Amino acid sequence: MRRPIAAVGSSVFFFVGPGTVAGLVPWLLTRWHMRDIPLWAPMRLLGAAMIAAALVVILQAFARFVVEGHGTPVPAAAPERLVVGGIYRHVRNPMYVALLTAILGQALLLAQPVLLLWAAVVWLAFSTFVRLYEEPVLARRFGADYATYRRNVPAWWPRLRPWTPGAR
């Protein structure tokens, strides 16, 4: 897929996918109402930092699909190459981890426990999708390369030192 087309497809999906999961649904659940809890300011700061960090990770992950993978995160327009650079050297599912981090950050920022429940629902959906669809498809499509990547990079908890393909 040509990069301009992949960039447009990824941009549209960014607003539809993550925009719904970490934007629209949390808004529908909370209307961005910030509950007033005494001495909660440090939690609000932590929540805001989590949201900001998650946004950076999501944007980097989307860019990797275009630049390195020559595709999009959308299964119908999947990347032509296995994406293993950048943030993907630390964790196999950085978009999902970042979206969960953003929702948890919103829960802290807004002091809204309902967002913890939403994060649990999202985690269950993501983990099920990865296990039953994404991993088998990637294994068939990229074979030994994906098997090596999967052995070296954790799915959900980022490794501290980045994995280097081909290194022992």
Protein backbone atom coordinates (compact mmCIF):
# COMPACT_ATOMS: atom_id res chain seq x y z
CA MET A 1 0.00 0.00 0.00
CA ARG A 2 1.30 3.47 -0.81
CA ARG A 3 2.18 5.61 2.19
CA PRO A 4 -0.22 8.49 1.46
CA ILE A 5 -3.13 6.06 1.28
CA ALA A 6 -1.94 4.27 4.43
CA ALA A 7 -1.63 7.64 6.20
CA VAL A 8 -5.18 8.66 5.30
CA GLY A 9 -6.57 5.25 6.28
CA SER A 10 -4.69 5.32 9.59
CA SER A 11 -5.87 8.86 10.32
CA VAL A 12 -9.50 7.96 9.72
CA PHE A 13 -9.17 4.83 11.84
CA PHE A 14 -7.49 6.85 14.62
CA PHE A 15 -10.65 8.87 15.08
CA VAL A 16 -13.04 5.96 14.62
CA GLY A 17 -11.24 3.28 16.70
CA PRO A 18 -9.29 4.94 19.52
CA GLY A 19 -11.53 7.99 19.30
CA THR A 20 -14.52 5.85 20.20
CA VAL A 21 -12.82 3.65 22.81
CA ALA A 22 -10.95 6.39 24.68
CA GLY A 23 -12.99 9.42 23.66
CA LEU A 24 -16.65 8.96 22.83
CA VAL A 25 -17.52 6.14 25.26
CA PRO A 26 -15.76 7.75 28.26
CA TRP A 27 -17.55 10.99 27.43
CA LEU A 28 -20.91 9.21 27.22
CA LEU A 29 -20.20 7.58 30.60
CA THR A 30 -19.01 10.73 32.38
CA ARG A 31 -19.80 13.80 30.23
CA TRP A 32 -16.25 14.71 31.35
CA HIS A 33 -17.67 15.55 34.77
CA MET A 34 -14.85 15.92 37.28
CA ARG A 35 -15.94 14.66 40.70
CA ASP A 36 -14.76 16.81 43.58
CA ILE A 37 -12.76 14.71 46.02
CA PRO A 38 -10.64 16.43 48.68
CA LEU A 39 -6.87 15.97 48.29
CA TRP A 40 -7.32 14.30 44.88
CA ALA A 41 -5.03 16.75 43.02
CA PRO A 42 -2.01 14.39 42.86
CA MET A 43 -4.23 11.69 41.31
CA ARG A 44 -5.51 14.21 38.76
CA LEU A 45 -1.94 15.10 37.80
CA LEU A 46 -1.04 11.42 37.48
CA GLY A 47 -4.14 10.87 35.35
CA ALA A 48 -3.28 13.79 33.06
CA ALA A 49 0.29 12.48 32.67
CA MET A 50 -1.03 9.01 31.81
CA ILE A 51 -3.35 10.44 29.16
CA ALA A 52 -0.54 12.53 27.62
CA ALA A 53 1.87 9.57 27.56
CA ALA A 54 -0.81 7.33 26.05
CA LEU A 55 -1.50 9.83 23.28
CA VAL A 56 2.20 9.97 22.37
CA VAL A 57 2.41 6.15 22.25
CA ILE A 58 -0.74 5.84 20.15
CA LEU A 59 0.45 8.42 17.64
CA GLN A 60 3.87 6.75 17.38
CA ALA A 61 2.29 3.33 16.93
CA PHE A 62 -0.02 4.58 14.18
CA ALA A 63 2.91 6.26 12.42
CA ARG A 64 4.89 2.99 12.55
CA PHE A 65 2.14 1.19 10.68
CA VAL A 66 2.39 3.72 7.85
CA VAL A 67 6.17 4.21 7.71
CA GLU A 68 7.46 0.76 8.60
CA GLY A 69 4.55 -1.52 7.79
CA HIS A 70 3.22 0.23 4.67
CA GLY A 71 -0.32 -0.26 5.92
CA THR A 72 -2.80 0.63 8.61
CA PRO A 73 -3.92 -0.83 11.94
CA VAL A 74 -7.21 -1.78 10.27
CA PRO A 75 -7.27 -5.53 9.55
CA ALA A 76 -8.79 -4.90 6.10
CA ALA A 77 -5.76 -2.74 5.18
CA ALA A 78 -3.12 -4.55 7.24
CA PRO A 79 0.56 -3.72 6.95
CA GLU A 80 2.63 -5.45 4.29
CA ARG A 81 5.57 -5.82 6.69
CA LEU A 82 5.69 -6.91 10.31
CA VAL A 83 5.99 -3.78 12.46
CA VAL A 84 8.70 -4.33 15.09
CA GLY A 85 10.39 -0.92 15.39
CA GLY A 86 9.98 1.99 17.76
CA ILE A 87 7.60 1.33 20.61
CA TYR A 88 6.94 -2.15 19.19
CA ARG A 89 10.45 -3.11 20.39
CA HIS A 90 9.10 -2.82 23.96
CA VAL A 91 5.59 -4.30 23.74
CA ARG A 92 3.65 -6.13 21.02
CA ASN A 93 0.37 -4.31 21.62
CA PRO A 94 1.30 -0.69 22.34
CA MET A 95 -1.95 0.75 20.98
CA TYR A 96 -4.08 -1.41 23.24
CA VAL A 97 -1.85 -0.76 26.25
CA ALA A 98 -1.92 2.98 25.53
CA LEU A 99 -5.70 3.06 25.14
CA LEU A 100 -6.12 1.25 28.47
CA THR A 101 -3.64 3.69 30.04
CA ALA A 102 -5.63 6.63 28.66
CA ILE A 103 -8.89 5.28 30.10
CA LEU A 104 -7.28 4.64 33.49
CA GLY A 105 -5.79 8.14 33.32
CA GLN A 106 -9.25 9.55 32.65
CA ALA A 107 -10.58 7.62 35.65
CA LEU A 108 -7.95 9.31 37.83
CA LEU A 109 -8.27 12.75 36.27
CA LEU A 110 -12.05 12.81 36.55
CA ALA A 111 -12.28 10.65 39.71
CA GLN A 112 -14.86 8.52 37.90
CA PRO A 113 -14.93 4.84 38.99
CA VAL A 114 -17.22 3.95 36.07
CA LEU A 115 -14.17 4.34 33.83
CA LEU A 116 -12.43 1.55 35.74
CA LEU A 117 -15.29 -0.72 34.74
CA TRP A 118 -15.01 0.51 31.14
CA ALA A 119 -11.24 -0.22 31.22
CA ALA A 120 -12.00 -3.79 32.36
CA VAL A 121 -14.49 -4.27 29.51
CA VAL A 122 -11.99 -2.86 27.00
CA TRP A 123 -9.19 -5.07 28.37
CA LEU A 124 -11.38 -8.15 28.01
CA ALA A 125 -12.31 -7.20 24.44
CA PHE A 126 -8.71 -6.41 23.45
CA SER A 127 -7.22 -9.54 25.00
CA THR A 128 -9.87 -11.74 23.40
CA PHE A 129 -9.38 -10.14 19.99
CA VAL A 130 -5.59 -10.47 20.20
CA ARG A 131 -5.67 -14.10 21.30
CA LEU A 132 -8.38 -15.34 18.95
CA TYR A 133 -7.80 -13.23 15.84
CA GLU A 134 -4.69 -11.05 15.74
CA GLU A 135 -2.02 -13.50 16.88
CA PRO A 136 -3.16 -16.37 14.61
CA VAL A 137 -3.39 -14.02 11.60
CA LEU A 138 0.07 -12.58 12.25
CA ALA A 139 1.51 -16.06 12.76
CA ARG A 140 0.12 -17.20 9.38
CA ARG A 141 1.11 -14.02 7.57
CA PHE A 142 4.62 -13.49 8.94
CA GLY A 143 5.58 -17.00 10.07
CA ALA A 144 8.99 -17.38 11.72
CA ASP A 145 9.53 -13.61 11.94
CA TYR A 146 6.41 -13.22 14.07
CA ALA A 147 7.28 -16.29 16.16
CA THR A 148 10.69 -14.78 16.96
CA TYR A 149 9.14 -11.41 17.73
CA ARG A 150 6.51 -13.01 19.94
CA ARG A 151 9.16 -14.94 21.90
CA ASN A 152 11.17 -11.78 22.57
CA VAL A 153 8.61 -9.04 23.11
CA PRO A 154 5.83 -9.30 25.71
CA ALA A 155 2.24 -8.72 24.65
CA TRP A 156 1.02 -6.48 27.48
CA TRP A 157 3.72 -5.44 29.94
CA PRO A 158 6.47 -3.42 28.20
CA ARG A 159 10.04 -4.60 28.54
CA LEU A 160 12.43 -1.97 29.85
CA ARG A 161 15.17 -2.53 27.30
CA PRO A 162 14.10 -2.56 23.67
CA TRP A 163 14.38 -5.80 21.76
CA THR A 164 16.80 -5.69 18.85
CA PRO A 165 15.85 -7.98 15.96
CA GLY A 166 18.67 -10.37 15.13
CA ALA A 167 20.45 -9.81 18.48
CA ARG A 168 21.09 -12.72 20.77
